[in-house]
C-alpha cells in the first residue's frame, strides 16, 4: 500500500543541486512544462509552484520536486518524483485545484500542455559525475510505438554513449512513458557549451543516424501539444534548462 502519512509543511529539506534521479523509491516520475506568457514571468512561476507545495501538508508519497528554467525563457519544467501513481492521482483529485488557483490568480496566462507519467528505465553515469555537479539539462524526447520501441531506443543510445564517452556529459537517464508512447533522455551536462559542442559534432550526427534507423521511433517536441493542439511556437526541439530550485520532501533512502 502507498504511504498515507503527511509531511509537515514547515519542514521541507532544502536542495541546491540536481535531483537524485536514481533514487530507488521513486516509482513514478511526473514531468510537466508550464508555458509562461512572457519570459519575465518564468522565475515567478517556478517560485509559485514550489511555494504551493511548501505551504501545504505534503503526502509522504511525494518525494521531491525540482523546477528548471528553459534557457529561452518560455517555460518552467517540473520534475516530480513520487512513490506511486495512485497517491498522486488522489492528490490531484482532492487538492490540486486549491493549490493551483492562487498561482493562476497571481500569474494569469500560464499554459499547461500536460503532465506525462514516466518511469526511469536505465542510466548512464560518467565516472566524473561523482566529483562534478551538472549545470545544464537537456531533454531529447522521442515518440515511440510501444514498449519494445521504447526499450530499443533507450538501449541503443545507452550503448553508444557508454562505448564512446562524450566530453561534458555527466549523465543520461532514460525515462519511458507509462503509455509506451514517449522516451525522454534526461541529460546532465557540465555546462551549455559542452552540450552545444556535442550537438554540432560528428558523435551527435552518428547518434541521430542510429536513431533514425530504428523502427517505431520519431523525434517529438519536448513540450507537448496543449489541449487545443496549438503546440508551443518558438520552443526548440531539444530545449536546454538551468536548475531553479528543488524541494525534497522525503530524503533518498540511506541519506537521512
Protein backbone atom coordinates (compact mmCIF):
# COMPACT_ATOMS: atom_id res chain seq x y z
CA UNK A 1 0.00 0.00 0.00
CA UNK A 2 1.26 3.53 -0.68
CA UNK A 3 2.24 5.68 2.28
CA UNK A 4 -0.64 7.66 3.73
CA UNK A 5 1.21 9.87 6.20
CA UNK A 6 1.77 13.54 5.50
CA UNK A 7 4.86 15.62 5.93
CA UNK A 8 4.55 18.90 7.87
CA UNK A 9 4.51 21.87 5.55
CA UNK A 10 7.06 23.64 7.71
CA UNK A 11 9.88 21.18 7.13
CA UNK A 12 10.91 20.73 3.51
CA UNK A 13 14.51 19.68 3.07
CA UNK A 14 16.44 22.29 1.08
CA UNK A 15 18.28 21.17 -2.04
CA UNK A 16 20.64 23.23 -4.15
CA UNK A 17 21.68 20.61 -6.71
CA UNK A 18 20.11 18.48 -9.40
CA UNK A 19 17.66 15.86 -8.10
CA UNK A 20 18.71 12.33 -7.25
CA UNK A 21 17.25 10.85 -10.43
CA UNK A 22 18.23 7.30 -9.50
CA UNK A 23 16.66 7.17 -6.05
CA UNK A 24 15.18 3.66 -5.74
CA UNK A 25 11.95 4.67 -4.01
CA UNK A 26 10.74 6.81 -6.94
CA UNK A 27 8.19 4.52 -8.52
CA UNK A 28 6.90 7.20 -10.85
CA UNK A 29 8.29 10.41 -12.36
CA UNK A 30 5.90 13.19 -13.35
CA UNK A 31 7.26 15.65 -15.91
CA UNK A 32 5.27 18.70 -16.92
CA UNK A 33 6.11 22.03 -18.58
CA UNK A 34 4.41 25.26 -17.60
CA UNK A 35 4.48 27.67 -20.53
CA UNK A 36 4.56 31.28 -19.33
CA UNK A 37 3.05 34.23 -21.20
CA UNK A 38 6.38 36.12 -21.21
CA UNK A 39 9.93 35.48 -20.04
CA UNK A 40 9.57 37.90 -17.14
CA UNK A 41 7.06 35.51 -15.53
CA UNK A 42 9.27 32.43 -15.71
CA UNK A 43 11.05 32.69 -12.37
CA UNK A 44 7.88 33.79 -10.59
CA UNK A 45 6.03 30.74 -11.93
CA UNK A 46 8.79 28.41 -10.71
CA UNK A 47 8.73 30.04 -7.29
CA UNK A 48 4.95 29.80 -7.17
CA UNK A 49 4.78 26.06 -7.81
CA UNK A 50 7.36 25.41 -5.10
CA UNK A 51 5.62 27.77 -2.68
CA UNK A 52 2.34 25.94 -3.24
CA UNK A 53 3.99 22.74 -2.02
CA UNK A 54 5.89 24.39 0.81
CA UNK A 55 2.68 25.82 2.23
CA UNK A 56 0.63 22.62 2.36
CA UNK A 57 0.70 19.28 4.09
CA UNK A 58 2.52 17.00 1.72
CA UNK A 59 1.77 13.29 1.35
CA UNK A 60 4.71 11.07 2.16
CA UNK A 61 4.34 9.56 -1.31
CA UNK A 62 5.53 12.90 -2.74
CA UNK A 63 9.31 12.52 -2.60
CA UNK A 64 10.76 15.55 -4.37
CA UNK A 65 10.00 18.30 -6.86
CA UNK A 66 12.57 20.16 -8.92
CA UNK A 67 11.91 23.14 -11.17
CA UNK A 68 14.09 24.06 -14.14
CA UNK A 69 14.03 27.24 -16.23
CA UNK A 70 14.25 26.88 -20.00
CA UNK A 71 17.09 28.97 -21.37
CA UNK A 72 14.80 30.58 -23.95
CA UNK A 73 12.62 31.98 -21.14
CA UNK A 74 9.50 30.28 -22.43
CA UNK A 75 8.62 27.71 -19.81
CA UNK A 76 9.30 26.03 -16.49
CA UNK A 77 9.98 22.30 -16.40
CA UNK A 78 8.65 20.49 -13.34
CA UNK A 79 10.31 17.16 -12.47
CA UNK A 80 8.47 15.40 -9.65
CA UNK A 81 9.24 12.04 -8.05
CA UNK A 82 6.53 10.08 -6.24
CA UNK A 83 6.39 6.60 -4.81
CA UNK A 84 3.36 5.64 -6.92
CA UNK A 85 0.73 6.98 -9.29
CA UNK A 86 -2.26 6.18 -7.11
CA UNK A 87 -1.11 8.58 -4.40
CA UNK A 88 -0.52 11.34 -6.93
CA UNK A 89 -3.90 10.84 -8.57
CA UNK A 90 -5.55 11.10 -5.17
CA UNK A 91 -3.74 14.39 -4.54
CA UNK A 92 -4.87 15.67 -7.94
CA UNK A 93 -8.46 14.69 -7.19
CA UNK A 94 -8.65 16.22 -3.73
CA UNK A 95 -6.13 19.05 -3.51
CA UNK A 96 -4.69 20.19 -6.81
CA UNK A 97 -7.40 22.77 -7.68
CA UNK A 98 -6.86 24.65 -4.42
CA UNK A 99 -3.08 24.60 -4.90
CA UNK A 100 -3.19 25.85 -8.49
CA UNK A 101 -5.85 28.56 -8.17
CA UNK A 102 -3.68 31.13 -6.33
CA UNK A 103 -0.90 30.67 -8.89
CA UNK A 104 -3.22 31.42 -11.79
CA UNK A 105 -4.58 34.46 -9.98
CA UNK A 106 -1.07 35.82 -9.50
CA UNK A 107 0.30 34.86 -12.93
CA UNK A 108 -2.58 34.67 -15.42
CA UNK A 109 -1.98 33.05 -18.75
CA UNK A 110 0.15 30.05 -17.76
CA UNK A 111 -0.46 27.14 -20.14
CA UNK A 112 -0.01 23.56 -19.02
CA UNK A 113 0.26 21.30 -22.09
CA UNK A 114 0.05 18.23 -19.92
CA UNK A 115 1.75 16.03 -17.38
CA UNK A 116 3.39 12.83 -18.63
CA UNK A 117 3.95 9.86 -16.35
CA UNK A 118 7.33 8.22 -16.74
CA UNK A 119 9.41 5.56 -15.10
CA UNK A 120 13.19 5.72 -15.20
CA UNK A 121 14.39 2.74 -17.18
CA UNK A 122 18.19 2.92 -17.00
CA UNK A 123 21.00 5.42 -16.60
CA UNK A 124 24.47 6.01 -17.98
CA UNK A 125 26.57 7.94 -15.46
CA UNK A 126 30.06 9.17 -16.29
CA UNK A 127 32.81 8.47 -13.77
CA UNK A 128 33.38 12.18 -13.28
CA UNK A 129 29.76 12.65 -12.12
CA UNK A 130 30.88 11.76 -8.59
CA UNK A 131 33.14 14.80 -8.48
CA UNK A 132 31.34 17.25 -10.76
CA UNK A 133 27.95 18.89 -10.47
CA UNK A 134 25.86 19.34 -13.62
CA UNK A 135 24.93 22.87 -14.53
CA UNK A 136 22.86 22.26 -17.66
CA UNK A 137 19.99 19.93 -18.56
CA UNK A 138 18.67 18.86 -21.96
CA UNK A 139 15.70 16.61 -22.63
CA UNK A 140 15.79 14.98 -26.09
CA UNK A 141 12.37 13.40 -26.50
CA UNK A 142 11.04 10.80 -28.93
CA UNK A 143 7.66 9.38 -29.86
CA UNK A 144 7.51 5.58 -29.87
CA UNK A 145 5.00 2.98 -30.97
CA UNK A 146 5.11 0.89 -27.81
CA UNK A 147 7.25 -0.60 -25.05
CA UNK A 148 9.52 -2.55 -27.38
CA UNK A 149 10.38 0.55 -29.38
CA UNK A 150 10.94 2.45 -26.14
CA UNK A 151 13.43 -0.08 -24.80
CA UNK A 152 15.23 -0.47 -28.14
CA UNK A 153 15.72 3.28 -28.41
CA UNK A 154 16.93 3.67 -24.81
CA UNK A 155 19.25 0.67 -25.09
CA UNK A 156 20.71 1.94 -28.36
CA UNK A 157 21.52 5.40 -27.06
CA UNK A 158 22.76 3.98 -23.75
CA UNK A 159 25.17 1.66 -25.53
CA UNK A 160 26.52 4.37 -27.82
CA UNK A 161 27.24 6.92 -25.08
CA UNK A 162 28.72 4.21 -22.84
CA UNK A 163 31.05 2.89 -25.55
CA UNK A 164 32.21 6.32 -26.71
CA UNK A 165 32.31 8.72 -23.74
CA UNK A 166 31.06 12.18 -24.60
CA UNK A 167 33.07 15.10 -23.18
CA UNK A 168 30.94 17.06 -20.74
CA UNK A 169 28.12 14.51 -20.48
CA UNK A 170 27.74 13.59 -16.82
CA UNK A 171 24.58 11.51 -17.01
CA UNK A 172 21.97 10.23 -19.45
CA UNK A 173 18.86 8.94 -17.68
CA UNK A 174 16.31 7.26 -19.90
CA UNK A 175 12.67 7.72 -18.93
CA UNK A 176 9.92 5.67 -20.58
CA UNK A 177 6.37 7.00 -20.53
CA UNK A 178 3.95 4.59 -18.97
CA UNK A 179 1.69 4.60 -22.03
CA UNK A 180 4.51 3.37 -24.30
CA UNK A 181 4.40 6.50 -26.40
CA UNK A 182 7.47 8.53 -25.41
CA UNK A 183 11.09 8.30 -24.33
CA UNK A 184 12.77 11.23 -22.61
CA UNK A 185 16.53 11.36 -22.17
CA UNK A 186 17.26 13.46 -19.08
CA UNK A 187 20.78 14.60 -19.99
CA UNK A 188 23.05 16.16 -17.36
CA UNK A 189 25.91 18.29 -18.73
CA UNK A 190 28.75 20.22 -17.16
CA UNK A 191 27.57 23.34 -18.98
CA UNK A 192 25.74 24.60 -22.05
CA UNK A 193 28.95 24.91 -24.07
CA UNK A 194 29.67 21.20 -23.73
CA UNK A 195 26.17 20.37 -24.96
CA UNK A 196 26.45 22.72 -27.94
CA UNK A 197 29.83 21.28 -28.92
CA UNK A 198 28.39 17.78 -28.85
CA UNK A 199 25.23 18.72 -30.76
CA UNK A 200 27.29 20.24 -33.57
CA UNK A 201 29.78 17.37 -33.83
CA UNK A 202 30.19 14.02 -35.52
CA UNK A 203 29.17 11.98 -32.48
CA UNK A 204 25.75 13.61 -32.41
CA UNK A 205 25.34 13.06 -36.14
CA UNK A 206 26.12 9.37 -35.72
CA UNK A 207 23.67 9.10 -32.85
CA UNK A 208 20.93 10.76 -34.88
CA UNK A 209 21.56 8.38 -37.77
CA UNK A 210 21.31 5.35 -35.46
CA UNK A 211 18.05 6.62 -34.00
CA UNK A 212 16.56 7.36 -37.42
CA UNK A 213 17.20 3.74 -38.41
CA UNK A 214 15.10 2.38 -35.53
CA UNK A 215 11.54 1.29 -36.33
CA UNK A 216 8.73 2.90 -34.42
CA UNK A 217 10.77 5.92 -33.27
CA UNK A 218 10.48 9.59 -34.28
CA UNK A 219 11.61 12.88 -32.72
CA UNK A 220 8.94 14.55 -30.60
CA UNK A 221 8.60 18.04 -29.12
CA UNK A 222 9.78 18.15 -25.53
CA UNK A 223 6.85 20.45 -24.77
CA UNK A 224 3.72 18.52 -25.83
CA UNK A 225 0.83 19.97 -27.74
CA UNK A 226 -1.74 21.59 -25.49
CA UNK A 227 -5.42 20.67 -25.36
CA UNK A 228 -6.16 22.82 -28.39
CA UNK A 229 -3.40 21.18 -30.45
CA UNK A 230 -1.76 24.57 -30.84
CA UNK A 231 1.73 23.48 -29.78
CA UNK A 232 4.31 25.85 -28.40
CA UNK A 233 5.81 28.14 -31.07
CA UNK A 234 9.45 29.02 -30.58
CA UNK A 235 10.37 26.13 -28.29
CA UNK A 236 13.45 24.33 -29.66
CA UNK A 237 13.34 20.62 -30.46
CA UNK A 238 15.79 19.94 -27.61
CA UNK A 239 15.34 22.69 -25.03
CA UNK A 240 18.06 23.49 -22.51
CA UNK A 241 17.48 24.20 -18.85
CA UNK A 242 19.19 25.58 -15.80
CA UNK A 243 18.28 24.49 -12.30
CA UNK A 244 15.96 26.78 -10.37
CA UNK A 245 15.29 25.04 -7.07
CA UNK A 246 14.30 21.72 -5.51
CA UNK A 247 12.06 20.72 -2.66
CA UNK A 248 12.99 17.37 -1.12
CA UNK A 249 10.04 16.16 0.91
CA UNK A 250 11.46 12.71 1.74
CA UNK A 251 15.25 12.23 1.61
CA UNK A 252 16.52 9.35 -0.53
CA UNK A 253 16.98 6.05 1.31
CA UNK A 254 20.17 5.95 3.30
CA UNK A 255 20.67 9.71 3.24
CA UNK A 256 18.92 10.66 6.43
